[in-house]
Structures are given as C-alpha cells and as structure tokens.
Amino acid sequence: MNQNTSTLEREAAPENRENADVGTVLPPGTQAPLFTLASTPDRSYSLADFRGKPVVLAFYPADWSPVCGDQMALYNEMRDEFANYGAQVLGISVDGAWCHKAFAETRRIQFPLLSDFEPKGAISRRYGAYDRQGGVSQRALFVIDGNGVIRWSYLSPMDVNPGADGIFAALDTITNAEGRTRSRGRSTSAEDLNQDIGREATP
C-alpha cells in the first residue's frame, strides 16, 4: 500500500460530511464511507481490506491522553473476545503516523491505529465524528458489518471511556441475525436489524 496514504473515496459515501456538526454521527443503516489511512510511516489500511468481516471503528481525540490511552488499552486487552466474532478493531485519531507508532509501541497496542492527519480530520468528518472547535476526532464508536453497513454507532462524551459493552451487544446482534438468516434461508432486512441493535446495543 502507498506510504502515508489518506484517500477520500467520495463515490462510496452517502454524502459529503466535511462540515458535519458535532453530535451527528452516522446512524445505523448507513453505508460506511470508505477510506485508506496510514497506521505507521510505511503501512496503510483500507476499510475495504476487511470486507466480509465486522469492523469496529473507534474514533478518539488523541494519543497519550489518559482517557484515550485507557480506552485503547481496554480494546487491546479484549483482542481475543473481538477475534471470537471475527471482528477487526481500528482506532482513528488526527495524530500523525509517527505519533501512532510511538504510542502503539509504548502501550503495546496490537491493532491498527490510523492517522486521520492530512487532510486533518477528513475521515472523522465523513463519519460525523469531528470536533471542529477542538480540531480533534470525537470519541465515537461504529460497528460495521461484513457488507460495509453501519449497524451501531455511539457518540461518547469526550472525557468518558465508553468501554466495550455496546460494541459486544452490537456484534452479538449481528451474529444472531446472521444465524437467523442462514436458518431461515432468507435475508434479514436492514430495518429489522437496526431495530434489534437499538434494543440490545444501548451502552
């Protein structure tokens, strides 16, 4: 992959959200905007890389801050639980790739931390998870299914670690829905799944 890549793949996005207001994160049922972002100076990841498996996007304000450090460390400790769902966790902030590299090495983070650095906050804006006043990503969570559809989203207060309960409830709902689909031999509608997640995945 290209070094320090930050690609906005606008043709796949539901709308241009670069000027989205704080508190308007993309809702369940929305096709997740595609992106390619650097994790380290020589490694990038694309959302499309994980097609076919659930993805957890954890937007957060900054490396090295106490709440962010604790949140990323928590998800790191839960890697085996996420693996049980076949889910990939991706952290995203406006920190640069070198900053992510140093932070990940210091905190021993074993999942990718992606740099939404240039254009600053471009992907965070697309997801409605950018604080224009502070110039940082909001603390927002998204669970995306294997088809690239957002199935659960949550905007946390900046100073609160949202934990993982809502994430796992959403993954449970997706897994259960997939099981029902296979057993019934038909597709579960997005509306039904979103209603399930609304009932079961509230943090």
N, C-alpha and C. Protein backbone atom coordinates (compact mmCIF):
# COMPACT_ATOMS: atom_id res chain seq x y z
N MET A 1 0.84 -1.19 0.00
CA MET A 1 0.00 0.00 0.00
C MET A 1 0.88 1.24 0.00
N ASN A 2 0.36 2.41 -0.44
CA ASN A 2 1.16 3.61 -0.54
C ASN A 2 1.46 4.16 0.83
N GLN A 3 2.67 4.73 0.97
CA GLN A 3 3.10 5.29 2.23
C GLN A 3 2.31 6.56 2.53
N ASN A 4 1.87 6.71 3.83
CA ASN A 4 1.17 7.90 4.28
C ASN A 4 -0.03 8.26 3.40
N THR A 5 -0.78 7.24 2.99
CA THR A 5 -1.94 7.46 2.13
C THR A 5 -3.13 7.92 2.96
N SER A 6 -3.86 8.91 2.46
CA SER A 6 -5.11 9.34 3.09
C SER A 6 -6.09 9.63 1.97
N THR A 7 -6.86 8.62 1.57
CA THR A 7 -7.71 8.73 0.39
C THR A 7 -9.16 8.85 0.78
N LEU A 8 -9.82 9.88 0.27
CA LEU A 8 -11.26 10.03 0.45
C LEU A 8 -11.94 9.44 -0.76
N GLU A 9 -12.66 8.34 -0.56
CA GLU A 9 -13.30 7.67 -1.68
C GLU A 9 -14.76 8.13 -1.73
N ARG A 10 -14.95 9.32 -2.30
CA ARG A 10 -16.23 10.01 -2.20
C ARG A 10 -17.35 9.28 -2.91
N GLU A 11 -17.03 8.53 -3.95
CA GLU A 11 -18.11 7.90 -4.70
C GLU A 11 -18.86 6.87 -3.88
N ALA A 12 -18.26 6.39 -2.80
CA ALA A 12 -18.90 5.36 -1.98
C ALA A 12 -19.60 5.94 -0.77
N ALA A 13 -19.52 7.26 -0.58
CA ALA A 13 -20.09 7.87 0.62
C ALA A 13 -21.51 8.32 0.39
N PRO A 14 -22.36 8.27 1.43
CA PRO A 14 -23.73 8.70 1.28
C PRO A 14 -23.87 10.19 1.05
N GLU A 15 -22.90 10.98 1.52
CA GLU A 15 -22.95 12.42 1.36
C GLU A 15 -21.62 13.01 1.76
N ASN A 16 -21.41 14.27 1.36
CA ASN A 16 -20.21 14.99 1.77
C ASN A 16 -20.44 15.57 3.15
N ARG A 17 -19.73 15.04 4.16
CA ARG A 17 -19.96 15.44 5.53
C ARG A 17 -18.79 16.21 6.10
N GLU A 18 -18.00 16.87 5.27
CA GLU A 18 -16.82 17.56 5.77
C GLU A 18 -17.17 18.67 6.75
N ASN A 19 -18.37 19.24 6.64
CA ASN A 19 -18.78 20.31 7.53
C ASN A 19 -19.82 19.86 8.54
N ALA A 20 -19.84 18.54 8.80
CA ALA A 20 -20.84 18.00 9.74
C ALA A 20 -20.65 18.60 11.12
N ASP A 21 -21.76 18.83 11.81
CA ASP A 21 -21.71 19.37 13.16
C ASP A 21 -21.39 18.26 14.15
N VAL A 22 -20.84 18.68 15.31
CA VAL A 22 -20.58 17.74 16.38
C VAL A 22 -21.90 17.11 16.83
N GLY A 23 -21.88 15.82 17.11
CA GLY A 23 -23.07 15.14 17.62
C GLY A 23 -23.95 14.55 16.55
N THR A 24 -23.51 14.54 15.30
CA THR A 24 -24.33 13.99 14.22
C THR A 24 -23.61 12.80 13.57
N VAL A 25 -23.21 11.84 14.39
CA VAL A 25 -22.52 10.68 13.85
C VAL A 25 -23.45 9.90 12.93
N LEU A 26 -22.87 9.24 11.95
CA LEU A 26 -23.67 8.47 11.00
C LEU A 26 -24.49 7.42 11.74
N PRO A 27 -25.75 7.26 11.39
CA PRO A 27 -26.64 6.34 12.11
C PRO A 27 -26.58 4.93 11.53
N PRO A 28 -27.11 3.96 12.26
CA PRO A 28 -27.23 2.60 11.73
C PRO A 28 -28.02 2.57 10.43
N GLY A 29 -27.62 1.66 9.56
CA GLY A 29 -28.28 1.53 8.26
C GLY A 29 -27.58 2.29 7.17
N THR A 30 -26.57 3.12 7.52
CA THR A 30 -25.82 3.91 6.55
C THR A 30 -24.65 3.10 6.02
N GLN A 31 -24.38 3.20 4.73
CA GLN A 31 -23.18 2.59 4.17
C GLN A 31 -21.96 3.34 4.70
N ALA A 32 -21.03 2.61 5.27
CA ALA A 32 -19.86 3.24 5.87
C ALA A 32 -18.97 3.85 4.80
N PRO A 33 -18.58 5.12 4.93
CA PRO A 33 -17.67 5.74 3.96
C PRO A 33 -16.33 4.98 3.91
N LEU A 34 -15.85 4.74 2.72
CA LEU A 34 -14.57 4.06 2.55
C LEU A 34 -13.41 5.00 2.84
N PHE A 35 -12.28 4.43 3.17
CA PHE A 35 -11.10 5.24 3.42
C PHE A 35 -9.85 4.38 3.32
N THR A 36 -8.73 5.04 3.14
CA THR A 36 -7.41 4.44 3.26
C THR A 36 -6.57 5.39 4.09
N LEU A 37 -6.03 4.91 5.21
CA LEU A 37 -5.28 5.76 6.12
C LEU A 37 -4.00 5.06 6.57
N ALA A 38 -2.98 5.86 6.85
CA ALA A 38 -1.71 5.32 7.34
C ALA A 38 -1.83 4.91 8.80
N SER A 39 -1.19 3.81 9.14
CA SER A 39 -1.09 3.37 10.53
C SER A 39 0.30 3.66 11.07
N THR A 40 1.30 3.39 10.27
CA THR A 40 2.69 3.71 10.56
C THR A 40 3.25 4.41 9.33
N PRO A 41 4.47 4.94 9.40
CA PRO A 41 5.01 5.62 8.22
C PRO A 41 5.10 4.74 6.97
N ASP A 42 5.09 3.43 7.13
CA ASP A 42 5.23 2.55 5.96
C ASP A 42 4.10 1.54 5.82
N ARG A 43 2.96 1.77 6.50
CA ARG A 43 1.85 0.82 6.41
C ARG A 43 0.52 1.55 6.45
N SER A 44 -0.36 1.24 5.52
CA SER A 44 -1.69 1.82 5.46
C SER A 44 -2.73 0.71 5.44
N TYR A 45 -3.95 1.06 5.83
CA TYR A 45 -5.07 0.12 5.80
C TYR A 45 -6.27 0.80 5.15
N SER A 46 -7.06 0.00 4.46
CA SER A 46 -8.31 0.46 3.87
C SER A 46 -9.47 -0.27 4.52
N LEU A 47 -10.60 0.41 4.64
CA LEU A 47 -11.79 -0.26 5.17
C LEU A 47 -12.14 -1.45 4.28
N ALA A 48 -11.92 -1.31 2.97
CA ALA A 48 -12.24 -2.39 2.04
C ALA A 48 -11.39 -3.63 2.27
N ASP A 49 -10.25 -3.49 2.96
CA ASP A 49 -9.41 -4.64 3.26
C ASP A 49 -10.15 -5.68 4.10
N PHE A 50 -11.15 -5.23 4.85
CA PHE A 50 -11.83 -6.08 5.82
C PHE A 50 -13.24 -6.45 5.39
N ARG A 51 -13.51 -6.30 4.10
CA ARG A 51 -14.81 -6.67 3.57
C ARG A 51 -15.13 -8.13 3.92
N GLY A 52 -16.33 -8.39 4.36
CA GLY A 52 -16.73 -9.74 4.72
C GLY A 52 -16.62 -10.05 6.19
N LYS A 53 -16.07 -9.12 6.99
CA LYS A 53 -15.96 -9.34 8.43
C LYS A 53 -16.39 -8.07 9.16
N PRO A 54 -16.86 -8.20 10.38
CA PRO A 54 -17.24 -7.00 11.14
C PRO A 54 -16.02 -6.14 11.44
N VAL A 55 -16.23 -4.83 11.44
CA VAL A 55 -15.18 -3.88 11.77
C VAL A 55 -15.69 -2.95 12.87
N VAL A 56 -14.86 -2.73 13.87
CA VAL A 56 -15.15 -1.77 14.93
C VAL A 56 -14.25 -0.56 14.73
N LEU A 57 -14.85 0.59 14.46
CA LEU A 57 -14.10 1.84 14.34
C LEU A 57 -14.22 2.60 15.65
N ALA A 58 -13.08 2.91 16.24
CA ALA A 58 -13.05 3.67 17.49
C ALA A 58 -12.33 4.99 17.24
N PHE A 59 -13.11 6.04 16.99
CA PHE A 59 -12.53 7.38 16.85
C PHE A 59 -12.23 7.91 18.25
N TYR A 60 -11.09 8.57 18.40
CA TYR A 60 -10.73 9.10 19.71
C TYR A 60 -9.91 10.38 19.54
N PRO A 61 -9.88 11.26 20.55
CA PRO A 61 -9.27 12.58 20.37
C PRO A 61 -7.76 12.58 20.16
N ALA A 62 -7.01 11.83 20.98
CA ALA A 62 -5.55 11.99 20.88
C ALA A 62 -4.81 10.85 21.56
N ASP A 63 -3.69 10.46 20.94
CA ASP A 63 -2.76 9.56 21.62
C ASP A 63 -2.25 10.25 22.89
N TRP A 64 -1.85 9.45 23.87
CA TRP A 64 -1.19 9.90 25.09
C TRP A 64 -2.12 10.52 26.12
N SER A 65 -3.35 10.91 25.74
CA SER A 65 -4.26 11.44 26.75
C SER A 65 -4.74 10.29 27.64
N PRO A 66 -5.00 10.56 28.92
CA PRO A 66 -5.33 9.47 29.85
C PRO A 66 -6.54 8.63 29.44
N VAL A 67 -7.66 9.29 29.08
CA VAL A 67 -8.86 8.54 28.74
C VAL A 67 -8.65 7.74 27.47
N CYS A 68 -8.03 8.35 26.45
CA CYS A 68 -7.79 7.64 25.19
C CYS A 68 -6.86 6.45 25.41
N GLY A 69 -5.81 6.66 26.20
CA GLY A 69 -4.89 5.57 26.47
C GLY A 69 -5.57 4.40 27.14
N ASP A 70 -6.44 4.69 28.11
CA ASP A 70 -7.16 3.63 28.81
C ASP A 70 -8.14 2.92 27.86
N GLN A 71 -8.81 3.69 27.00
CA GLN A 71 -9.77 3.10 26.08
C GLN A 71 -9.09 2.16 25.09
N MET A 72 -8.00 2.61 24.49
CA MET A 72 -7.29 1.77 23.52
C MET A 72 -6.67 0.55 24.22
N ALA A 73 -6.18 0.74 25.44
CA ALA A 73 -5.62 -0.39 26.19
C ALA A 73 -6.70 -1.43 26.49
N LEU A 74 -7.91 -0.97 26.80
CA LEU A 74 -9.02 -1.88 27.07
C LEU A 74 -9.32 -2.74 25.85
N TYR A 75 -9.42 -2.11 24.68
CA TYR A 75 -9.71 -2.86 23.46
C TYR A 75 -8.57 -3.81 23.12
N ASN A 76 -7.36 -3.39 23.45
CA ASN A 76 -6.21 -4.26 23.21
C ASN A 76 -6.29 -5.51 24.07
N GLU A 77 -6.71 -5.34 25.32
CA GLU A 77 -6.85 -6.49 26.23
C GLU A 77 -7.95 -7.43 25.78
N MET A 78 -8.90 -6.92 25.00
CA MET A 78 -10.06 -7.71 24.57
C MET A 78 -9.89 -8.26 23.16
N ARG A 79 -8.66 -8.33 22.66
CA ARG A 79 -8.44 -8.80 21.29
C ARG A 79 -9.01 -10.20 21.07
N ASP A 80 -8.88 -11.08 22.04
CA ASP A 80 -9.39 -12.44 21.87
C ASP A 80 -10.91 -12.44 21.78
N GLU A 81 -11.57 -11.58 22.59
CA GLU A 81 -13.03 -11.51 22.52
C GLU A 81 -13.49 -11.00 21.15
N PHE A 82 -12.81 -9.99 20.63
CA PHE A 82 -13.15 -9.49 19.30
C PHE A 82 -12.90 -10.57 18.25
N ALA A 83 -11.83 -11.31 18.42
CA ALA A 83 -11.48 -12.37 17.46
C ALA A 83 -12.56 -13.45 17.42
N ASN A 84 -13.24 -13.67 18.56
CA ASN A 84 -14.32 -14.67 18.58
C ASN A 84 -15.46 -14.30 17.63
N TYR A 85 -15.60 -13.02 17.35
CA TYR A 85 -16.62 -12.57 16.40
C TYR A 85 -16.05 -12.39 14.99
N GLY A 86 -14.75 -12.62 14.85
CA GLY A 86 -14.09 -12.36 13.58
C GLY A 86 -14.00 -10.88 13.28
N ALA A 87 -14.04 -10.04 14.32
CA ALA A 87 -14.10 -8.60 14.15
C ALA A 87 -12.72 -7.97 14.20
N GLN A 88 -12.52 -6.94 13.39
CA GLN A 88 -11.29 -6.18 13.37
C GLN A 88 -11.51 -4.81 14.01
N VAL A 89 -10.69 -4.46 14.98
CA VAL A 89 -10.76 -3.16 15.63
C VAL A 89 -9.77 -2.21 14.97
N LEU A 90 -10.21 -0.99 14.68
CA LEU A 90 -9.35 0.06 14.13
C LEU A 90 -9.55 1.32 14.94
N GLY A 91 -8.48 1.86 15.51
CA GLY A 91 -8.54 3.15 16.19
C GLY A 91 -8.23 4.26 15.19
N ILE A 92 -8.89 5.40 15.32
CA ILE A 92 -8.67 6.52 14.39
C ILE A 92 -8.61 7.83 15.19
N SER A 93 -7.55 8.59 14.95
CA SER A 93 -7.44 9.94 15.51
C SER A 93 -6.68 10.81 14.53
N VAL A 94 -6.57 12.11 14.84
CA VAL A 94 -5.89 13.04 13.93
C VAL A 94 -4.38 13.07 14.17
N ASP A 95 -3.87 12.22 15.05
CA ASP A 95 -2.42 12.15 15.28
C ASP A 95 -1.71 11.64 14.03
N GLY A 96 -0.45 12.03 13.87
CA GLY A 96 0.33 11.58 12.74
C GLY A 96 0.77 10.13 12.88
N ALA A 97 1.25 9.56 11.78
CA ALA A 97 1.65 8.16 11.77
C ALA A 97 2.81 7.89 12.73
N TRP A 98 3.76 8.80 12.82
CA TRP A 98 4.89 8.60 13.74
C TRP A 98 4.42 8.62 15.18
N CYS A 99 3.48 9.49 15.49
CA CYS A 99 2.92 9.55 16.84
C CYS A 99 2.21 8.24 17.17
N HIS A 100 1.41 7.73 16.22
CA HIS A 100 0.73 6.45 16.42
C HIS A 100 1.74 5.33 16.67
N LYS A 101 2.81 5.34 15.89
CA LYS A 101 3.82 4.28 16.02
C LYS A 101 4.42 4.29 17.42
N ALA A 102 4.79 5.47 17.90
CA ALA A 102 5.39 5.57 19.23
C ALA A 102 4.39 5.20 20.32
N PHE A 103 3.15 5.66 20.17
CA PHE A 103 2.12 5.37 21.17
C PHE A 103 1.81 3.88 21.21
N ALA A 104 1.66 3.26 20.04
CA ALA A 104 1.35 1.83 19.99
C ALA A 104 2.48 0.99 20.58
N GLU A 105 3.71 1.38 20.30
CA GLU A 105 4.84 0.63 20.84
C GLU A 105 4.93 0.78 22.36
N THR A 106 4.69 1.99 22.85
CA THR A 106 4.77 2.23 24.29
C THR A 106 3.67 1.51 25.05
N ARG A 107 2.45 1.56 24.50
CA ARG A 107 1.30 0.94 25.16
C ARG A 107 1.07 -0.50 24.70
N ARG A 108 1.91 -0.97 23.79
CA ARG A 108 1.82 -2.34 23.27
C ARG A 108 0.46 -2.63 22.64
N ILE A 109 -0.03 -1.68 21.88
CA ILE A 109 -1.30 -1.83 21.17
C ILE A 109 -1.09 -2.73 19.96
N GLN A 110 -1.90 -3.78 19.83
CA GLN A 110 -1.71 -4.78 18.79
C GLN A 110 -2.72 -4.69 17.65
N PHE A 111 -3.51 -3.63 17.61
CA PHE A 111 -4.40 -3.42 16.47
C PHE A 111 -4.05 -2.08 15.83
N PRO A 112 -4.42 -1.86 14.57
CA PRO A 112 -4.00 -0.64 13.87
C PRO A 112 -4.62 0.63 14.46
N LEU A 113 -3.78 1.63 14.62
CA LEU A 113 -4.21 2.98 14.94
C LEU A 113 -3.99 3.82 13.69
N LEU A 114 -5.05 4.39 13.14
CA LEU A 114 -4.98 5.04 11.84
C LEU A 114 -4.91 6.56 11.99
N SER A 115 -4.13 7.17 11.09
CA SER A 115 -3.86 8.60 11.15
C SER A 115 -4.77 9.38 10.22
N ASP A 116 -5.72 10.10 10.79
CA ASP A 116 -6.62 10.98 10.04
C ASP A 116 -6.02 12.40 10.05
N PHE A 117 -4.77 12.46 9.60
CA PHE A 117 -3.95 13.65 9.81
C PHE A 117 -4.01 14.66 8.66
N GLU A 118 -3.98 14.18 7.43
CA GLU A 118 -3.92 15.10 6.30
C GLU A 118 -4.72 14.54 5.13
N PRO A 119 -5.79 15.21 4.68
CA PRO A 119 -6.35 16.44 5.28
C PRO A 119 -6.85 16.18 6.70
N LYS A 120 -6.58 17.10 7.59
CA LYS A 120 -6.85 16.87 9.01
C LYS A 120 -8.32 16.58 9.27
N GLY A 121 -8.56 15.41 9.88
CA GLY A 121 -9.91 15.04 10.29
C GLY A 121 -10.87 14.74 9.16
N ALA A 122 -10.34 14.49 7.95
CA ALA A 122 -11.23 14.30 6.79
C ALA A 122 -12.16 13.10 6.97
N ILE A 123 -11.63 11.98 7.45
CA ILE A 123 -12.47 10.79 7.64
C ILE A 123 -13.39 10.96 8.84
N SER A 124 -12.87 11.57 9.90
CA SER A 124 -13.72 11.84 11.07
C SER A 124 -14.92 12.67 10.67
N ARG A 125 -14.72 13.65 9.79
CA ARG A 125 -15.82 14.49 9.32
C ARG A 125 -16.83 13.66 8.54
N ARG A 126 -16.34 12.73 7.74
CA ARG A 126 -17.24 11.91 6.92
C ARG A 126 -18.17 11.07 7.79
N TYR A 127 -17.67 10.69 8.96
CA TYR A 127 -18.47 9.88 9.89
C TYR A 127 -19.23 10.75 10.90
N GLY A 128 -19.11 12.07 10.77
CA GLY A 128 -19.77 12.97 11.72
C GLY A 128 -19.14 12.94 13.09
N ALA A 129 -17.84 12.63 13.14
CA ALA A 129 -17.15 12.42 14.42
C ALA A 129 -15.96 13.36 14.57
N TYR A 130 -16.13 14.62 14.14
CA TYR A 130 -15.04 15.59 14.22
C TYR A 130 -15.48 16.79 15.03
N ASP A 131 -14.63 17.21 15.95
CA ASP A 131 -14.87 18.39 16.77
C ASP A 131 -14.11 19.55 16.13
N ARG A 132 -14.83 20.39 15.39
CA ARG A 132 -14.17 21.48 14.68
C ARG A 132 -13.58 22.51 15.63
N GLN A 133 -14.20 22.72 16.77
CA GLN A 133 -13.68 23.69 17.72
C GLN A 133 -12.34 23.22 18.31
N GLY A 134 -12.29 21.95 18.69
CA GLY A 134 -11.07 21.42 19.28
C GLY A 134 -10.05 20.93 18.25
N GLY A 135 -10.52 20.72 17.02
CA GLY A 135 -9.61 20.23 15.98
C GLY A 135 -9.18 18.79 16.17
N VAL A 136 -10.04 17.97 16.79
CA VAL A 136 -9.72 16.57 17.05
C VAL A 136 -10.92 15.70 16.70
N SER A 137 -10.68 14.40 16.63
CA SER A 137 -11.78 13.46 16.45
C SER A 137 -12.60 13.40 17.74
N GLN A 138 -13.90 13.22 17.59
CA GLN A 138 -14.76 12.95 18.74
C GLN A 138 -14.50 11.52 19.21
N ARG A 139 -15.00 11.22 20.41
CA ARG A 139 -14.91 9.85 20.92
C ARG A 139 -16.17 9.13 20.45
N ALA A 140 -16.06 8.47 19.31
CA ALA A 140 -17.23 7.85 18.67
C ALA A 140 -16.92 6.41 18.28
N LEU A 141 -17.93 5.57 18.37
CA LEU A 141 -17.79 4.15 18.04
C LEU A 141 -18.76 3.77 16.92
N PHE A 142 -18.29 2.91 16.03
CA PHE A 142 -19.12 2.38 14.95
C PHE A 142 -18.85 0.88 14.83
N VAL A 143 -19.90 0.10 14.69
CA VAL A 143 -19.78 -1.31 14.36
C VAL A 143 -20.32 -1.48 12.94
N ILE A 144 -19.47 -1.99 12.05
CA ILE A 144 -19.80 -2.13 10.63
C ILE A 144 -19.84 -3.61 10.29
N ASP A 145 -20.87 -4.02 9.57
CA ASP A 145 -20.98 -5.44 9.23
C ASP A 145 -20.13 -5.79 8.02
N GLY A 146 -20.15 -7.05 7.65
CA GLY A 146 -19.30 -7.53 6.55
C GLY A 146 -19.67 -6.98 5.20
N ASN A 147 -20.85 -6.37 5.09
CA ASN A 147 -21.28 -5.73 3.84
C ASN A 147 -20.97 -4.24 3.81
N GLY A 148 -20.30 -3.75 4.85
CA GLY A 148 -19.92 -2.35 4.88
C GLY A 148 -21.02 -1.42 5.36
N VAL A 149 -22.02 -1.95 6.06
CA VAL A 149 -23.13 -1.15 6.56
C VAL A 149 -22.94 -0.92 8.07
N ILE A 150 -23.11 0.32 8.49
CA ILE A 150 -23.04 0.64 9.91
C ILE A 150 -24.25 0.03 10.61
N ARG A 151 -24.01 -0.79 11.63
CA ARG A 151 -25.09 -1.43 12.37
C ARG A 151 -25.30 -0.85 13.76
N TRP A 152 -24.32 -0.10 14.24
CA TRP A 152 -24.44 0.55 15.55
C TRP A 152 -23.45 1.69 15.60
N SER A 153 -23.87 2.81 16.18
CA SER A 153 -22.96 3.94 16.37
C SER A 153 -23.28 4.62 17.68
N TYR A 154 -22.25 5.24 18.26
CA TYR A 154 -22.41 5.86 19.57
C TYR A 154 -21.39 6.98 19.73
N LEU A 155 -21.87 8.15 20.16
CA LEU A 155 -21.01 9.29 20.45
C LEU A 155 -20.91 9.44 21.95
N SER A 156 -19.70 9.28 22.46
CA SER A 156 -19.47 9.36 23.90
C SER A 156 -19.00 10.76 24.29
N PRO A 157 -19.28 11.20 25.51
CA PRO A 157 -18.65 12.43 25.98
C PRO A 157 -17.13 12.31 25.88
N MET A 158 -16.48 13.43 25.60
CA MET A 158 -15.04 13.39 25.36
C MET A 158 -14.25 12.86 26.55
N ASP A 159 -14.74 13.11 27.75
CA ASP A 159 -13.97 12.73 28.95
C ASP A 159 -14.42 11.41 29.55
N VAL A 160 -15.20 10.63 28.78
CA VAL A 160 -15.72 9.35 29.28
C VAL A 160 -15.27 8.21 28.39
N ASN A 161 -14.67 7.21 29.00
CA ASN A 161 -14.32 5.98 28.29
C ASN A 161 -15.61 5.19 28.06
N PRO A 162 -16.03 4.98 26.79
CA PRO A 162 -17.31 4.30 26.54
C PRO A 162 -17.27 2.81 26.79
N GLY A 163 -16.09 2.25 27.03
CA GLY A 163 -16.00 0.82 27.27
C GLY A 163 -16.32 0.01 26.03
N ALA A 164 -16.74 -1.24 26.24
CA ALA A 164 -16.96 -2.15 25.12
C ALA A 164 -18.31 -2.85 25.15
N ASP A 165 -19.13 -2.59 26.16
CA ASP A 165 -20.40 -3.30 26.27
C ASP A 165 -21.28 -3.09 25.04
N GLY A 166 -21.40 -1.84 24.60
CA GLY A 166 -22.23 -1.55 23.43
C GLY A 166 -21.71 -2.22 22.18
N ILE A 167 -20.39 -2.27 22.05
CA ILE A 167 -19.77 -2.93 20.89
C ILE A 167 -20.14 -4.40 20.85
N PHE A 168 -19.97 -5.08 21.98
CA PHE A 168 -20.24 -6.51 22.01
C PHE A 168 -21.72 -6.81 21.84
N ALA A 169 -22.58 -5.94 22.37
CA ALA A 169 -24.02 -6.14 22.16
C ALA A 169 -24.36 -6.05 20.67
N ALA A 170 -23.73 -5.08 19.98
CA ALA A 170 -23.97 -4.94 18.54
C ALA A 170 -23.43 -6.15 17.78
N LEU A 171 -22.25 -6.62 18.15
CA LEU A 171 -21.68 -7.80 17.49
C LEU A 171 -22.54 -9.03 17.75
N ASP A 172 -23.07 -9.15 18.96
CA ASP A 172 -23.99 -10.25 19.26
C ASP A 172 -25.22 -10.20 18.36
N THR A 173 -25.77 -9.01 18.20
CA THR A 173 -26.97 -8.86 17.39
C THR A 173 -26.70 -9.22 15.94
N ILE A 174 -25.55 -8.77 15.41
CA ILE A 174 -25.18 -9.10 14.03
C ILE A 174 -25.01 -10.61 13.88
N THR A 175 -24.32 -11.22 14.84
CA THR A 175 -24.09 -12.67 14.78
C THR A 175 -25.40 -13.43 14.84
N ASN A 176 -26.29 -13.02 15.75
CA ASN A 176 -27.59 -13.68 15.87
C ASN A 176 -28.42 -13.52 14.61
N ALA A 177 -28.38 -12.32 14.04
CA ALA A 177 -29.14 -12.07 12.81
C ALA A 177 -28.61 -12.93 11.67
N GLU A 178 -27.30 -13.08 11.58
CA GLU A 178 -26.73 -13.92 10.53
C GLU A 178 -27.15 -15.37 10.73
N GLY A 179 -27.23 -15.81 12.00
CA GLY A 179 -27.67 -17.17 12.27
C GLY A 179 -29.12 -17.37 11.87
N ARG A 180 -29.97 -16.37 12.15
CA ARG A 180 -31.37 -16.47 11.76
C ARG A 180 -31.51 -16.49 10.24
N THR A 181 -30.68 -15.68 9.57
CA THR A 181 -30.74 -15.63 8.11
C THR A 181 -30.41 -16.98 7.51
N ARG A 182 -29.34 -17.60 8.02
CA ARG A 182 -28.95 -18.92 7.49
C ARG A 182 -30.03 -19.96 7.77
N SER A 183 -30.62 -19.92 8.99
CA SER A 183 -31.61 -20.93 9.34
C SER A 183 -32.91 -20.76 8.57
N ARG A 184 -33.24 -19.51 8.23
CA ARG A 184 -34.48 -19.25 7.51
C ARG A 184 -34.31 -19.30 6.00
N GLY A 185 -33.07 -19.22 5.57
CA GLY A 185 -32.80 -19.24 4.15
C GLY A 185 -33.22 -17.98 3.44
N ARG A 186 -33.23 -16.85 4.18
CA ARG A 186 -33.58 -15.58 3.56
C ARG A 186 -32.76 -14.49 4.23
N SER A 187 -32.77 -13.29 3.65
CA SER A 187 -32.02 -12.16 4.18
C SER A 187 -32.82 -11.45 5.25
N THR A 188 -32.12 -11.01 6.30
CA THR A 188 -32.74 -10.19 7.31
C THR A 188 -32.69 -8.74 6.84
N SER A 189 -33.81 -8.02 6.93
CA SER A 189 -33.83 -6.64 6.44
C SER A 189 -32.99 -5.75 7.33
N ALA A 190 -32.45 -4.68 6.74
CA ALA A 190 -31.67 -3.71 7.50
C ALA A 190 -32.52 -3.07 8.58
N GLU A 191 -33.80 -2.83 8.28
CA GLU A 191 -34.69 -2.20 9.26
C GLU A 191 -34.86 -3.08 10.49
N ASP A 192 -35.07 -4.38 10.28
CA ASP A 192 -35.21 -5.29 11.42
C ASP A 192 -33.94 -5.33 12.25
N LEU A 193 -32.79 -5.39 11.57
CA LEU A 193 -31.52 -5.49 12.28
C LEU A 193 -31.24 -4.22 13.07
N ASN A 194 -31.53 -3.07 12.49
CA ASN A 194 -31.32 -1.82 13.20
C ASN A 194 -32.21 -1.72 14.42
N GLN A 195 -33.44 -2.21 14.32
CA GLN A 195 -34.33 -2.20 15.47
C GLN A 195 -33.79 -3.10 16.56
N ASP A 196 -33.25 -4.27 16.17
CA ASP A 196 -32.67 -5.16 17.15
C ASP A 196 -31.51 -4.51 17.87
N ILE A 197 -30.64 -3.86 17.12
CA ILE A 197 -29.48 -3.23 17.70
C ILE A 197 -29.87 -2.08 18.60
N GLY A 198 -30.90 -1.34 18.19
CA GLY A 198 -31.38 -0.25 19.03
C GLY A 198 -31.87 -0.73 20.38
N ARG A 199 -32.44 -1.95 20.40
CA ARG A 199 -32.94 -2.50 21.66
C ARG A 199 -31.82 -3.12 22.50
N GLU A 200 -30.84 -3.75 21.82
CA GLU A 200 -29.90 -4.59 22.54
C GLU A 200 -28.53 -3.97 22.73
N ALA A 201 -28.17 -2.93 21.95
CA ALA A 201 -26.80 -2.45 21.98
C ALA A 201 -26.66 -1.07 22.60
N THR A 202 -27.64 -0.61 23.37
CA THR A 202 -27.52 0.68 24.01
C THR A 202 -26.50 0.60 25.13
N PRO A 203 -25.45 1.47 25.07
CA PRO A 203 -24.40 1.39 26.09
C PRO A 203 -24.88 1.85 27.45
